Amino acid sequence: MSALRFYYDFFDIKTYIKRKYYFATRSNAGKRGLNDLTQFYVKRKSVFIAGTALLGAMVAVLDWAFKLGGLKILFPPLPMLRFDALGVLMLLSYFLFGFLSGTITGLVAWLSISLRDPTGFSGFMKFLAEFSTIAGVYLVLRARRQASRWWKALSMCSGISVRVITMAVANYFLLPIFTPSNVETVILWLPLISVFNIIQGAVSVLGGFLLYEAVILRLPSLRMGS
């Protein structure tokens, strides 16, 4: 899918400008081309900042709305785990504006959740879960300029797999430290925690993909590489 050209973020454009500057300034045509490229970089950077700020704010608002409204869905086998839609916005931020944008919105979620949890543990675990999902998707889509349905499906599997492995390791080492649970109990929980992360990861990635397509349909100028 041409829209998912993640190499085409403003950092890559800036690097490209620096590399081509010496050669471009040797001719008038080169100077004009460099000026156009610089203007595109500035425009792209402005869109990145505005879009990331907007989605970050939406993540914070949605987090509190879900919390105050009691809208988070319990995972019956382990009621301490709850499904939400924050990951959908984080993946959307990544699809629209790149890896850094997705990471920033994840950090916003961490901060928002930490306002209710002084230890910051719950917020960190949410951030780690969604960040690992983004990283898994990134590993596959980074290699493809145009992603077919098969590559999208592969990226979803990659994102979910990285999430499950990352969170299994994190829960094994951190739960006994930040909760009253012992290691033996955590080991018994790990299969259920993995099932939860498979479901939540699928919701985040699939929801992010669908929202991305809907946004691009309405605002094609946000398409990567346009």
N, C-alpha and C. Protein backbone atom coordinates (compact mmCIF):
# COMPACT_ATOMS: atom_id res chain seq x y z
N MET A 1 0.86 -1.19 0.00
CA MET A 1 0.00 0.00 0.00
C MET A 1 0.89 1.23 0.00
N SER A 2 0.79 2.05 -1.06
CA SER A 2 1.68 3.19 -1.21
C SER A 2 1.57 4.18 -0.06
N ALA A 3 0.41 4.18 0.60
CA ALA A 3 0.22 5.12 1.70
C ALA A 3 1.15 4.82 2.87
N LEU A 4 1.60 3.60 2.96
CA LEU A 4 2.40 3.22 4.12
C LEU A 4 3.89 3.27 3.80
N ARG A 5 4.37 4.42 3.36
CA ARG A 5 5.80 4.61 3.09
C ARG A 5 6.44 5.23 4.32
N PHE A 6 6.74 4.41 5.27
CA PHE A 6 7.17 4.93 6.55
C PHE A 6 8.57 5.52 6.51
N TYR A 7 9.31 5.20 5.45
CA TYR A 7 10.63 5.79 5.32
C TYR A 7 10.52 7.26 4.95
N TYR A 8 9.33 7.70 4.55
CA TYR A 8 9.17 9.05 4.02
C TYR A 8 8.70 10.00 5.12
N ASP A 9 9.26 9.93 6.32
CA ASP A 9 8.92 10.89 7.35
C ASP A 9 9.86 12.09 7.25
N PHE A 10 9.60 13.11 8.06
CA PHE A 10 10.34 14.35 7.85
C PHE A 10 11.80 14.23 8.23
N PHE A 11 12.17 13.27 9.08
CA PHE A 11 13.58 13.09 9.40
C PHE A 11 14.34 12.59 8.17
N ASP A 12 13.74 11.64 7.43
CA ASP A 12 14.38 11.13 6.23
C ASP A 12 14.51 12.22 5.18
N ILE A 13 13.49 13.07 5.07
CA ILE A 13 13.54 14.16 4.11
C ILE A 13 14.66 15.13 4.47
N LYS A 14 14.78 15.43 5.76
CA LYS A 14 15.84 16.35 6.20
C LYS A 14 17.21 15.78 5.88
N THR A 15 17.40 14.50 6.11
CA THR A 15 18.67 13.86 5.80
C THR A 15 18.94 13.91 4.31
N TYR A 16 17.90 13.68 3.52
CA TYR A 16 18.04 13.73 2.07
C TYR A 16 18.47 15.12 1.61
N ILE A 17 17.88 16.15 2.21
CA ILE A 17 18.24 17.52 1.85
C ILE A 17 19.71 17.78 2.14
N LYS A 18 20.17 17.35 3.31
CA LYS A 18 21.56 17.57 3.67
C LYS A 18 22.52 16.88 2.71
N ARG A 19 22.19 15.67 2.30
CA ARG A 19 23.06 14.91 1.41
C ARG A 19 23.13 15.52 0.01
N LYS A 20 22.01 16.09 -0.43
CA LYS A 20 21.93 16.62 -1.78
C LYS A 20 22.28 18.11 -1.87
N TYR A 21 22.50 18.74 -0.73
CA TYR A 21 22.68 20.19 -0.73
C TYR A 21 23.88 20.60 -1.60
N TYR A 22 25.01 19.93 -1.45
CA TYR A 22 26.22 20.31 -2.16
C TYR A 22 26.03 20.26 -3.66
N PHE A 23 25.39 19.17 -4.14
CA PHE A 23 25.21 19.00 -5.57
C PHE A 23 24.13 19.93 -6.11
N ALA A 24 23.10 20.14 -5.32
CA ALA A 24 21.97 20.95 -5.79
C ALA A 24 22.35 22.41 -5.97
N THR A 25 23.21 22.93 -5.13
CA THR A 25 23.55 24.36 -5.19
C THR A 25 24.52 24.70 -6.31
N ARG A 26 24.91 23.73 -7.11
CA ARG A 26 25.82 24.00 -8.22
C ARG A 26 25.10 24.52 -9.47
N SER A 27 23.76 24.47 -9.46
CA SER A 27 23.01 24.96 -10.62
C SER A 27 21.75 25.66 -10.13
N ASN A 28 21.20 26.54 -10.99
CA ASN A 28 19.96 27.24 -10.63
C ASN A 28 18.80 26.27 -10.49
N ALA A 29 18.73 25.31 -11.41
CA ALA A 29 17.66 24.31 -11.33
C ALA A 29 17.78 23.52 -10.03
N GLY A 30 19.02 23.21 -9.66
CA GLY A 30 19.23 22.48 -8.42
C GLY A 30 18.81 23.30 -7.23
N LYS A 31 19.07 24.61 -7.26
CA LYS A 31 18.68 25.48 -6.16
C LYS A 31 17.16 25.53 -6.03
N ARG A 32 16.46 25.61 -7.17
CA ARG A 32 15.00 25.64 -7.12
C ARG A 32 14.46 24.33 -6.59
N GLY A 33 15.04 23.23 -7.03
CA GLY A 33 14.59 21.93 -6.54
C GLY A 33 14.84 21.78 -5.05
N LEU A 34 15.98 22.28 -4.60
CA LEU A 34 16.29 22.21 -3.17
C LEU A 34 15.31 23.05 -2.37
N ASN A 35 14.95 24.23 -2.91
CA ASN A 35 14.00 25.11 -2.22
C ASN A 35 12.63 24.44 -2.11
N ASP A 36 12.19 23.79 -3.19
CA ASP A 36 10.91 23.09 -3.16
C ASP A 36 10.93 21.96 -2.14
N LEU A 37 12.06 21.23 -2.10
CA LEU A 37 12.17 20.13 -1.16
C LEU A 37 12.18 20.62 0.27
N THR A 38 12.84 21.75 0.50
CA THR A 38 12.88 22.32 1.84
C THR A 38 11.49 22.75 2.28
N GLN A 39 10.73 23.37 1.37
CA GLN A 39 9.37 23.78 1.69
C GLN A 39 8.50 22.57 2.01
N PHE A 40 8.70 21.48 1.26
CA PHE A 40 7.94 20.26 1.54
C PHE A 40 8.29 19.73 2.92
N TYR A 41 9.58 19.78 3.27
CA TYR A 41 10.01 19.31 4.59
C TYR A 41 9.35 20.13 5.69
N VAL A 42 9.32 21.45 5.54
CA VAL A 42 8.72 22.32 6.54
C VAL A 42 7.22 22.01 6.68
N LYS A 43 6.55 21.84 5.54
CA LYS A 43 5.13 21.52 5.55
C LYS A 43 4.89 20.19 6.23
N ARG A 44 5.71 19.18 5.87
CA ARG A 44 5.54 17.86 6.44
C ARG A 44 5.78 17.87 7.95
N LYS A 45 6.78 18.66 8.38
CA LYS A 45 7.08 18.75 9.80
C LYS A 45 5.92 19.40 10.56
N SER A 46 5.31 20.42 9.96
CA SER A 46 4.17 21.09 10.60
C SER A 46 2.99 20.14 10.75
N VAL A 47 2.74 19.35 9.70
CA VAL A 47 1.65 18.37 9.75
C VAL A 47 1.94 17.32 10.82
N PHE A 48 3.19 16.90 10.90
CA PHE A 48 3.60 15.91 11.90
C PHE A 48 3.32 16.43 13.31
N ILE A 49 3.74 17.65 13.60
CA ILE A 49 3.58 18.22 14.93
C ILE A 49 2.10 18.38 15.28
N ALA A 50 1.34 18.96 14.33
CA ALA A 50 -0.09 19.19 14.59
C ALA A 50 -0.85 17.87 14.74
N GLY A 51 -0.57 16.93 13.85
CA GLY A 51 -1.27 15.65 13.89
C GLY A 51 -0.94 14.85 15.14
N THR A 52 0.32 14.84 15.52
CA THR A 52 0.72 14.11 16.72
C THR A 52 0.11 14.74 17.97
N ALA A 53 0.11 16.07 18.02
CA ALA A 53 -0.49 16.76 19.17
C ALA A 53 -1.98 16.46 19.27
N LEU A 54 -2.67 16.46 18.14
CA LEU A 54 -4.11 16.20 18.12
C LEU A 54 -4.41 14.77 18.59
N LEU A 55 -3.70 13.81 18.05
CA LEU A 55 -3.95 12.42 18.42
C LEU A 55 -3.51 12.14 19.86
N GLY A 56 -2.45 12.80 20.31
CA GLY A 56 -2.03 12.65 21.70
C GLY A 56 -3.10 13.17 22.65
N ALA A 57 -3.69 14.31 22.31
CA ALA A 57 -4.77 14.86 23.13
C ALA A 57 -5.98 13.94 23.12
N MET A 58 -6.27 13.37 21.96
CA MET A 58 -7.41 12.44 21.86
C MET A 58 -7.18 11.20 22.71
N VAL A 59 -5.94 10.73 22.76
CA VAL A 59 -5.62 9.56 23.59
C VAL A 59 -5.88 9.86 25.06
N ALA A 60 -5.43 11.04 25.52
CA ALA A 60 -5.62 11.42 26.92
C ALA A 60 -7.11 11.56 27.25
N VAL A 61 -7.87 12.22 26.37
CA VAL A 61 -9.30 12.41 26.60
C VAL A 61 -10.03 11.07 26.61
N LEU A 62 -9.69 10.21 25.65
CA LEU A 62 -10.35 8.90 25.56
C LEU A 62 -10.02 8.04 26.78
N ASP A 63 -8.78 8.14 27.25
CA ASP A 63 -8.39 7.37 28.43
C ASP A 63 -9.25 7.75 29.63
N TRP A 64 -9.41 9.04 29.87
CA TRP A 64 -10.21 9.49 31.02
C TRP A 64 -11.70 9.21 30.80
N ALA A 65 -12.17 9.32 29.55
CA ALA A 65 -13.57 9.03 29.26
C ALA A 65 -13.88 7.57 29.55
N PHE A 66 -12.99 6.68 29.12
CA PHE A 66 -13.18 5.25 29.39
C PHE A 66 -13.14 4.98 30.89
N LYS A 67 -12.23 5.65 31.60
CA LYS A 67 -12.09 5.41 33.03
C LYS A 67 -13.30 5.93 33.81
N LEU A 68 -13.65 7.18 33.60
CA LEU A 68 -14.75 7.79 34.35
C LEU A 68 -16.11 7.20 33.96
N GLY A 69 -16.22 6.81 32.70
CA GLY A 69 -17.49 6.25 32.23
C GLY A 69 -17.61 4.76 32.46
N GLY A 70 -16.55 4.14 32.98
CA GLY A 70 -16.59 2.69 33.21
C GLY A 70 -16.77 1.90 31.92
N LEU A 71 -16.15 2.38 30.84
CA LEU A 71 -16.37 1.79 29.53
C LEU A 71 -15.36 0.71 29.17
N LYS A 72 -14.32 0.57 29.97
CA LYS A 72 -13.34 -0.47 29.67
C LYS A 72 -13.96 -1.85 29.92
N ILE A 73 -13.69 -2.76 29.01
CA ILE A 73 -14.29 -4.09 29.07
C ILE A 73 -13.36 -5.04 29.81
N LEU A 74 -13.89 -5.69 30.83
CA LEU A 74 -13.09 -6.62 31.62
C LEU A 74 -12.76 -7.87 30.81
N PHE A 75 -11.60 -8.42 31.08
CA PHE A 75 -11.21 -9.72 30.52
C PHE A 75 -11.55 -10.75 31.60
N PRO A 76 -12.67 -11.47 31.45
CA PRO A 76 -13.21 -12.31 32.54
C PRO A 76 -12.22 -13.24 33.24
N PRO A 77 -11.34 -13.94 32.51
CA PRO A 77 -10.42 -14.84 33.23
C PRO A 77 -9.47 -14.11 34.19
N LEU A 78 -9.11 -12.84 33.83
CA LEU A 78 -8.25 -12.02 34.69
C LEU A 78 -8.85 -10.61 34.74
N PRO A 79 -9.74 -10.37 35.67
CA PRO A 79 -10.45 -9.08 35.73
C PRO A 79 -9.55 -7.86 35.88
N MET A 80 -8.30 -8.05 36.27
CA MET A 80 -7.39 -6.91 36.39
C MET A 80 -7.00 -6.39 35.01
N LEU A 81 -7.25 -7.18 33.98
CA LEU A 81 -6.96 -6.75 32.61
C LEU A 81 -8.24 -6.22 31.97
N ARG A 82 -8.09 -5.13 31.21
CA ARG A 82 -9.26 -4.50 30.58
C ARG A 82 -8.94 -4.10 29.15
N PHE A 83 -9.92 -4.28 28.29
CA PHE A 83 -9.78 -3.87 26.89
C PHE A 83 -10.15 -2.39 26.75
N ASP A 84 -9.42 -1.68 25.89
CA ASP A 84 -9.77 -0.30 25.56
C ASP A 84 -9.36 0.00 24.13
N ALA A 85 -9.63 1.22 23.70
CA ALA A 85 -9.36 1.59 22.31
C ALA A 85 -8.18 2.54 22.17
N LEU A 86 -7.40 2.74 23.22
CA LEU A 86 -6.27 3.67 23.15
C LEU A 86 -5.26 3.23 22.09
N GLY A 87 -5.03 1.93 22.01
CA GLY A 87 -4.06 1.44 21.05
C GLY A 87 -4.44 1.74 19.61
N VAL A 88 -5.73 1.83 19.32
CA VAL A 88 -6.18 2.15 17.97
C VAL A 88 -5.66 3.52 17.54
N LEU A 89 -5.77 4.51 18.44
CA LEU A 89 -5.29 5.85 18.13
C LEU A 89 -3.77 5.90 18.03
N MET A 90 -3.08 5.10 18.84
CA MET A 90 -1.62 5.06 18.76
C MET A 90 -1.16 4.48 17.43
N LEU A 91 -1.82 3.40 16.99
CA LEU A 91 -1.49 2.83 15.68
C LEU A 91 -1.86 3.77 14.55
N LEU A 92 -2.98 4.48 14.69
CA LEU A 92 -3.36 5.47 13.67
C LEU A 92 -2.30 6.56 13.57
N SER A 93 -1.81 7.02 14.71
CA SER A 93 -0.77 8.03 14.73
C SER A 93 0.48 7.53 13.99
N TYR A 94 0.82 6.28 14.22
CA TYR A 94 1.97 5.68 13.54
C TYR A 94 1.74 5.59 12.03
N PHE A 95 0.58 5.10 11.62
CA PHE A 95 0.30 4.94 10.20
C PHE A 95 0.30 6.28 9.46
N LEU A 96 -0.21 7.31 10.12
CA LEU A 96 -0.32 8.62 9.47
C LEU A 96 0.99 9.40 9.47
N PHE A 97 1.70 9.38 10.61
CA PHE A 97 2.82 10.29 10.78
C PHE A 97 4.15 9.64 11.11
N GLY A 98 4.18 8.32 11.23
CA GLY A 98 5.45 7.65 11.43
C GLY A 98 5.67 7.08 12.82
N PHE A 99 6.79 6.39 12.95
CA PHE A 99 7.11 5.66 14.18
C PHE A 99 7.23 6.59 15.39
N LEU A 100 7.88 7.73 15.20
CA LEU A 100 8.06 8.67 16.31
C LEU A 100 6.72 9.18 16.83
N SER A 101 5.80 9.47 15.92
CA SER A 101 4.48 9.95 16.31
C SER A 101 3.73 8.91 17.13
N GLY A 102 3.78 7.66 16.70
CA GLY A 102 3.14 6.60 17.45
C GLY A 102 3.73 6.44 18.84
N THR A 103 5.05 6.62 18.93
CA THR A 103 5.73 6.53 20.23
C THR A 103 5.30 7.67 21.15
N ILE A 104 5.20 8.86 20.60
CA ILE A 104 4.82 10.03 21.41
C ILE A 104 3.40 9.87 21.96
N THR A 105 2.48 9.42 21.13
CA THR A 105 1.11 9.23 21.62
C THR A 105 1.06 8.14 22.70
N GLY A 106 1.95 7.15 22.57
CA GLY A 106 2.04 6.13 23.61
C GLY A 106 2.54 6.71 24.92
N LEU A 107 3.50 7.62 24.85
CA LEU A 107 4.01 8.29 26.05
C LEU A 107 2.93 9.15 26.70
N VAL A 108 2.08 9.76 25.87
CA VAL A 108 0.96 10.54 26.40
C VAL A 108 0.02 9.64 27.20
N ALA A 109 -0.25 8.45 26.65
CA ALA A 109 -1.11 7.49 27.36
C ALA A 109 -0.47 7.09 28.69
N TRP A 110 0.83 6.87 28.69
CA TRP A 110 1.55 6.53 29.91
C TRP A 110 1.37 7.62 30.97
N LEU A 111 1.55 8.87 30.55
CA LEU A 111 1.42 10.00 31.46
C LEU A 111 -0.01 10.12 31.97
N SER A 112 -1.00 9.97 31.09
CA SER A 112 -2.40 10.10 31.48
C SER A 112 -2.78 9.04 32.50
N ILE A 113 -2.39 7.81 32.26
CA ILE A 113 -2.72 6.72 33.18
C ILE A 113 -1.98 6.89 34.50
N SER A 114 -0.76 7.42 34.44
CA SER A 114 0.05 7.60 35.65
C SER A 114 -0.53 8.65 36.59
N LEU A 115 -1.38 9.53 36.08
CA LEU A 115 -2.03 10.52 36.95
C LEU A 115 -2.97 9.83 37.95
N ARG A 116 -3.41 8.61 37.60
CA ARG A 116 -4.27 7.84 38.50
C ARG A 116 -3.49 6.78 39.27
N ASP A 117 -2.26 6.54 38.84
CA ASP A 117 -1.43 5.51 39.47
C ASP A 117 -0.05 6.09 39.74
N PRO A 118 0.20 6.56 40.97
CA PRO A 118 1.47 7.21 41.30
C PRO A 118 2.71 6.38 40.99
N THR A 119 2.58 5.05 41.01
CA THR A 119 3.75 4.21 40.73
C THR A 119 4.13 4.26 39.24
N GLY A 120 3.16 4.61 38.38
CA GLY A 120 3.42 4.65 36.95
C GLY A 120 3.48 3.28 36.30
N PHE A 121 3.25 2.24 37.08
CA PHE A 121 3.39 0.88 36.56
C PHE A 121 2.33 0.56 35.50
N SER A 122 1.08 0.88 35.80
CA SER A 122 -0.01 0.58 34.85
C SER A 122 0.21 1.33 33.54
N GLY A 123 0.58 2.60 33.64
CA GLY A 123 0.82 3.39 32.44
C GLY A 123 1.99 2.86 31.63
N PHE A 124 3.04 2.44 32.33
CA PHE A 124 4.20 1.89 31.64
C PHE A 124 3.85 0.62 30.89
N MET A 125 3.08 -0.26 31.53
CA MET A 125 2.71 -1.52 30.89
C MET A 125 1.83 -1.28 29.66
N LYS A 126 0.94 -0.30 29.75
CA LYS A 126 0.12 0.04 28.58
C LYS A 126 0.99 0.57 27.46
N PHE A 127 1.91 1.47 27.80
CA PHE A 127 2.83 2.00 26.79
C PHE A 127 3.65 0.89 26.17
N LEU A 128 4.20 0.01 26.99
CA LEU A 128 5.05 -1.06 26.48
C LEU A 128 4.27 -2.00 25.56
N ALA A 129 3.03 -2.29 25.92
CA ALA A 129 2.21 -3.18 25.10
C ALA A 129 1.97 -2.59 23.71
N GLU A 130 1.56 -1.32 23.67
CA GLU A 130 1.25 -0.71 22.38
C GLU A 130 2.51 -0.36 21.59
N PHE A 131 3.57 0.03 22.29
CA PHE A 131 4.83 0.33 21.60
C PHE A 131 5.39 -0.92 20.95
N SER A 132 5.34 -2.05 21.65
CA SER A 132 5.84 -3.30 21.07
C SER A 132 4.99 -3.72 19.87
N THR A 133 3.68 -3.42 19.92
CA THR A 133 2.81 -3.71 18.78
C THR A 133 3.22 -2.88 17.57
N ILE A 134 3.44 -1.58 17.80
CA ILE A 134 3.88 -0.70 16.71
C ILE A 134 5.21 -1.18 16.15
N ALA A 135 6.14 -1.55 17.03
CA ALA A 135 7.44 -2.02 16.58
C ALA A 135 7.32 -3.27 15.72
N GLY A 136 6.44 -4.19 16.11
CA GLY A 136 6.25 -5.40 15.34
C GLY A 136 5.67 -5.13 13.95
N VAL A 137 4.71 -4.22 13.88
CA VAL A 137 4.14 -3.83 12.59
C VAL A 137 5.19 -3.14 11.74
N TYR A 138 5.96 -2.28 12.36
CA TYR A 138 7.00 -1.51 11.68
C TYR A 138 8.04 -2.44 11.04
N LEU A 139 8.41 -3.51 11.73
CA LEU A 139 9.44 -4.42 11.22
C LEU A 139 9.05 -4.98 9.85
N VAL A 140 7.76 -5.22 9.64
CA VAL A 140 7.31 -5.78 8.36
C VAL A 140 7.08 -4.68 7.32
N LEU A 141 6.34 -3.64 7.70
CA LEU A 141 5.96 -2.62 6.72
C LEU A 141 7.14 -1.75 6.31
N ARG A 142 8.16 -1.66 7.11
CA ARG A 142 9.34 -0.88 6.77
C ARG A 142 10.01 -1.42 5.50
N ALA A 143 9.88 -2.70 5.28
CA ALA A 143 10.55 -3.34 4.15
C ALA A 143 9.77 -3.23 2.85
N ARG A 144 8.53 -2.69 2.91
CA ARG A 144 7.68 -2.65 1.72
C ARG A 144 7.19 -1.25 1.45
N ARG A 145 7.40 -0.77 0.24
CA ARG A 145 6.85 0.53 -0.13
C ARG A 145 5.35 0.44 -0.39
N GLN A 146 4.97 -0.67 -0.99
CA GLN A 146 3.55 -0.90 -1.26
C GLN A 146 3.14 -2.20 -0.58
N ALA A 147 2.23 -2.08 0.37
CA ALA A 147 1.83 -3.24 1.17
C ALA A 147 0.52 -3.82 0.64
N SER A 148 0.56 -5.08 0.22
CA SER A 148 -0.65 -5.77 -0.20
C SER A 148 -1.40 -6.25 1.03
N ARG A 149 -2.53 -6.88 0.79
CA ARG A 149 -3.30 -7.42 1.92
C ARG A 149 -2.51 -8.45 2.69
N TRP A 150 -1.71 -9.23 1.96
CA TRP A 150 -0.90 -10.24 2.63
C TRP A 150 0.13 -9.59 3.54
N TRP A 151 0.74 -8.51 3.07
CA TRP A 151 1.73 -7.83 3.89
C TRP A 151 1.08 -7.15 5.09
N LYS A 152 -0.13 -6.65 4.90
CA LYS A 152 -0.85 -6.07 6.04
C LYS A 152 -1.14 -7.15 7.08
N ALA A 153 -1.60 -8.31 6.60
CA ALA A 153 -1.89 -9.41 7.52
C ALA A 153 -0.62 -9.87 8.23
N LEU A 154 0.49 -9.92 7.47
CA LEU A 154 1.76 -10.32 8.06
C LEU A 154 2.22 -9.31 9.11
N SER A 155 2.01 -8.02 8.81
CA SER A 155 2.41 -6.98 9.77
C SER A 155 1.57 -7.07 11.04
N MET A 156 0.29 -7.42 10.89
CA MET A 156 -0.56 -7.59 12.07
C MET A 156 -0.08 -8.76 12.92
N CYS A 157 0.25 -9.88 12.26
CA CYS A 157 0.77 -11.03 13.00
C CYS A 157 2.09 -10.69 13.69
N SER A 158 2.92 -9.94 12.99
CA SER A 158 4.20 -9.55 13.58
C SER A 158 3.99 -8.65 14.79
N GLY A 159 3.10 -7.68 14.66
CA GLY A 159 2.83 -6.77 15.78
C GLY A 159 2.29 -7.50 16.99
N ILE A 160 1.35 -8.42 16.75
CA ILE A 160 0.76 -9.18 17.86
C ILE A 160 1.81 -10.10 18.50
N SER A 161 2.62 -10.74 17.67
CA SER A 161 3.63 -11.66 18.19
C SER A 161 4.65 -10.93 19.07
N VAL A 162 5.14 -9.80 18.57
CA VAL A 162 6.11 -9.02 19.35
C VAL A 162 5.48 -8.55 20.66
N ARG A 163 4.22 -8.15 20.59
CA ARG A 163 3.51 -7.71 21.79
C ARG A 163 3.40 -8.84 22.82
N VAL A 164 2.97 -10.01 22.37
CA VAL A 164 2.78 -11.14 23.28
C VAL A 164 4.09 -11.52 23.97
N ILE A 165 5.16 -11.61 23.18
CA ILE A 165 6.46 -11.99 23.74
C ILE A 165 6.97 -10.93 24.72
N THR A 166 6.88 -9.67 24.30
CA THR A 166 7.36 -8.58 25.15
C THR A 166 6.61 -8.52 26.47
N MET A 167 5.29 -8.65 26.41
CA MET A 167 4.50 -8.52 27.62
C MET A 167 4.62 -9.76 28.52
N ALA A 168 4.87 -10.90 27.93
CA ALA A 168 5.09 -12.10 28.75
C ALA A 168 6.36 -11.93 29.58
N VAL A 169 7.41 -11.45 28.95
CA VAL A 169 8.68 -11.22 29.66
C VAL A 169 8.51 -10.12 30.70
N ALA A 170 7.86 -9.02 30.31
CA ALA A 170 7.68 -7.90 31.23
C ALA A 170 6.85 -8.29 32.45
N ASN A 171 5.77 -9.03 32.23
CA ASN A 171 4.93 -9.45 33.35
C ASN A 171 5.66 -10.42 34.27
N TYR A 172 6.44 -11.31 33.69
CA TYR A 172 7.18 -12.29 34.49
C TYR A 172 8.13 -11.59 35.47
N PHE A 173 8.81 -10.55 35.00
CA PHE A 173 9.80 -9.89 35.84
C PHE A 173 9.21 -8.76 36.70
N LEU A 174 8.19 -8.08 36.19
CA LEU A 174 7.71 -6.87 36.88
C LEU A 174 6.52 -7.09 37.81
N LEU A 175 5.62 -8.00 37.46
CA LEU A 175 4.45 -8.21 38.31
C LEU A 175 4.82 -8.58 39.76
N PRO A 176 5.79 -9.48 39.96
CA PRO A 176 6.14 -9.79 41.36
C PRO A 176 6.73 -8.59 42.12
N ILE A 177 7.24 -7.61 41.39
CA ILE A 177 7.84 -6.44 42.03
C ILE A 177 6.79 -5.39 42.37
N PHE A 178 5.87 -5.14 41.45
CA PHE A 178 4.91 -4.04 41.61
C PHE A 178 3.55 -4.49 42.13
N THR A 179 3.33 -5.79 42.24
CA THR A 179 2.05 -6.30 42.77
C THR A 179 2.35 -7.37 43.83
N PRO A 180 1.34 -7.73 44.61
CA PRO A 180 1.54 -8.77 45.64
C PRO A 180 1.74 -10.17 45.06
N SER A 181 1.63 -10.33 43.75
CA SER A 181 1.72 -11.66 43.13
C SER A 181 3.14 -12.22 43.25
N ASN A 182 3.23 -13.54 43.40
CA ASN A 182 4.54 -14.18 43.39
C ASN A 182 4.83 -14.77 42.01
N VAL A 183 6.04 -15.22 41.81
CA VAL A 183 6.46 -15.71 40.50
C VAL A 183 5.63 -16.90 40.05
N GLU A 184 5.33 -17.80 40.96
CA GLU A 184 4.55 -18.99 40.61
C GLU A 184 3.16 -18.61 40.09
N THR A 185 2.54 -17.63 40.73
CA THR A 185 1.22 -17.18 40.29
C THR A 185 1.29 -16.53 38.91
N VAL A 186 2.32 -15.72 38.71
CA VAL A 186 2.48 -15.04 37.42
C VAL A 186 2.66 -16.06 36.30
N ILE A 187 3.43 -17.10 36.56
CA ILE A 187 3.63 -18.14 35.54
C ILE A 187 2.30 -18.78 35.15
N LEU A 188 1.44 -19.01 36.13
CA LEU A 188 0.11 -19.57 35.84
C LEU A 188 -0.74 -18.59 35.04
N TRP A 189 -0.53 -17.30 35.24
CA TRP A 189 -1.30 -16.28 34.53
C TRP A 189 -0.83 -16.06 33.10
N LEU A 190 0.40 -16.36 32.81
CA LEU A 190 0.99 -15.98 31.52
C LEU A 190 0.19 -16.44 30.29
N PRO A 191 -0.35 -17.67 30.26
CA PRO A 191 -1.16 -18.05 29.09
C PRO A 191 -2.38 -17.15 28.91
N LEU A 192 -3.05 -16.81 30.01
CA LEU A 192 -4.22 -15.93 29.92
C LEU A 192 -3.81 -14.52 29.52
N ILE A 193 -2.69 -14.04 30.05
CA ILE A 193 -2.19 -12.72 29.67
C ILE A 193 -1.87 -12.68 28.19
N SER A 194 -1.33 -13.78 27.67
CA SER A 194 -1.01 -13.85 26.24
C SER A 194 -2.27 -13.81 25.38
N VAL A 195 -3.31 -14.53 25.82
CA VAL A 195 -4.58 -14.50 25.09
C VAL A 195 -5.14 -13.08 25.07
N PHE A 196 -5.09 -12.43 26.21
CA PHE A 196 -5.56 -11.04 26.29
C PHE A 196 -4.81 -10.16 25.30
N ASN A 197 -3.49 -10.29 25.26
CA ASN A 197 -2.68 -9.45 24.38
C ASN A 197 -2.89 -9.76 22.90
N ILE A 198 -3.21 -11.00 22.59
CA ILE A 198 -3.54 -11.35 21.21
C ILE A 198 -4.81 -10.60 20.78
N ILE A 199 -5.82 -10.64 21.63
CA ILE A 199 -7.08 -9.97 21.31
C ILE A 199 -6.91 -8.45 21.25
N GLN A 200 -6.27 -7.88 22.29
CA GLN A 200 -6.09 -6.43 22.33
C GLN A 200 -5.18 -5.95 21.20
N GLY A 201 -4.15 -6.72 20.89
CA GLY A 201 -3.26 -6.36 19.79
C GLY A 201 -3.98 -6.37 18.45
N ALA A 202 -4.84 -7.36 18.23
CA ALA A 202 -5.61 -7.43 16.99
C ALA A 202 -6.55 -6.24 16.87
N VAL A 203 -7.19 -5.85 17.98
CA VAL A 203 -8.08 -4.69 17.98
C VAL A 203 -7.31 -3.42 17.63
N SER A 204 -6.13 -3.25 18.23
CA SER A 204 -5.33 -2.05 18.00
C SER A 204 -4.89 -1.94 16.55
N VAL A 205 -4.32 -3.01 16.00
CA VAL A 205 -3.78 -2.97 14.64
C VAL A 205 -4.89 -2.87 13.61
N LEU A 206 -5.90 -3.73 13.73
CA LEU A 206 -7.00 -3.70 12.76
C LEU A 206 -7.75 -2.38 12.83
N GLY A 207 -8.02 -1.92 14.04
CA GLY A 207 -8.70 -0.63 14.19
C GLY A 207 -7.88 0.51 13.63
N GLY A 208 -6.55 0.46 13.84
CA GLY A 208 -5.67 1.49 13.30
C GLY A 208 -5.67 1.50 11.79
N PHE A 209 -5.62 0.31 11.18
CA PHE A 209 -5.67 0.20 9.72
C PHE A 209 -6.98 0.76 9.17
N LEU A 210 -8.09 0.40 9.77
CA LEU A 210 -9.39 0.84 9.26
C LEU A 210 -9.56 2.35 9.39
N LEU A 211 -9.15 2.90 10.54
CA LEU A 211 -9.23 4.35 10.71
C LEU A 211 -8.30 5.07 9.75
N TYR A 212 -7.13 4.50 9.51
CA TYR A 212 -6.19 5.11 8.57
C TYR A 212 -6.81 5.22 7.18
N GLU A 213 -7.40 4.13 6.73
CA GLU A 213 -8.03 4.13 5.40
C GLU A 213 -9.17 5.14 5.33
N ALA A 214 -9.94 5.24 6.43
CA ALA A 214 -11.05 6.20 6.45
C ALA A 214 -10.55 7.64 6.41
N VAL A 215 -9.48 7.92 7.15
CA VAL A 215 -8.92 9.27 7.16
C VAL A 215 -8.34 9.63 5.80
N ILE A 216 -7.59 8.70 5.19
CA ILE A 216 -6.98 8.95 3.89
C ILE A 216 -8.04 9.17 2.81
N LEU A 217 -9.16 8.47 2.95
CA LEU A 217 -10.24 8.63 1.99
C LEU A 217 -10.78 10.06 2.02
N ARG A 218 -10.87 10.63 3.23
CA ARG A 218 -11.39 11.99 3.40
C ARG A 218 -10.31 13.05 3.20
N LEU A 219 -9.10 12.74 3.64
CA LEU A 219 -7.98 13.70 3.59
C LEU A 219 -6.78 13.06 2.88
N PRO A 220 -6.85 12.91 1.58
CA PRO A 220 -5.75 12.24 0.85
C PRO A 220 -4.42 12.96 0.96
N SER A 221 -4.43 14.23 1.35
CA SER A 221 -3.17 14.96 1.49
C SER A 221 -2.32 14.43 2.63
N LEU A 222 -2.92 13.64 3.54
CA LEU A 222 -2.16 13.07 4.64
C LEU A 222 -1.47 11.78 4.25
N ARG A 223 -1.72 11.34 3.06
CA ARG A 223 -1.08 10.10 2.58
C ARG A 223 0.41 10.26 2.57
N MET A 224 1.12 9.26 3.13
CA MET A 224 2.56 9.31 3.16
C MET A 224 3.13 9.38 1.75
N GLY A 225 4.06 10.29 1.58
CA GLY A 225 4.70 10.43 0.29
C GLY A 225 3.97 11.38 -0.63
N SER A 226 2.81 11.93 -0.21
CA SER A 226 2.08 12.86 -1.06
C SER A 226 2.54 14.27 -0.80
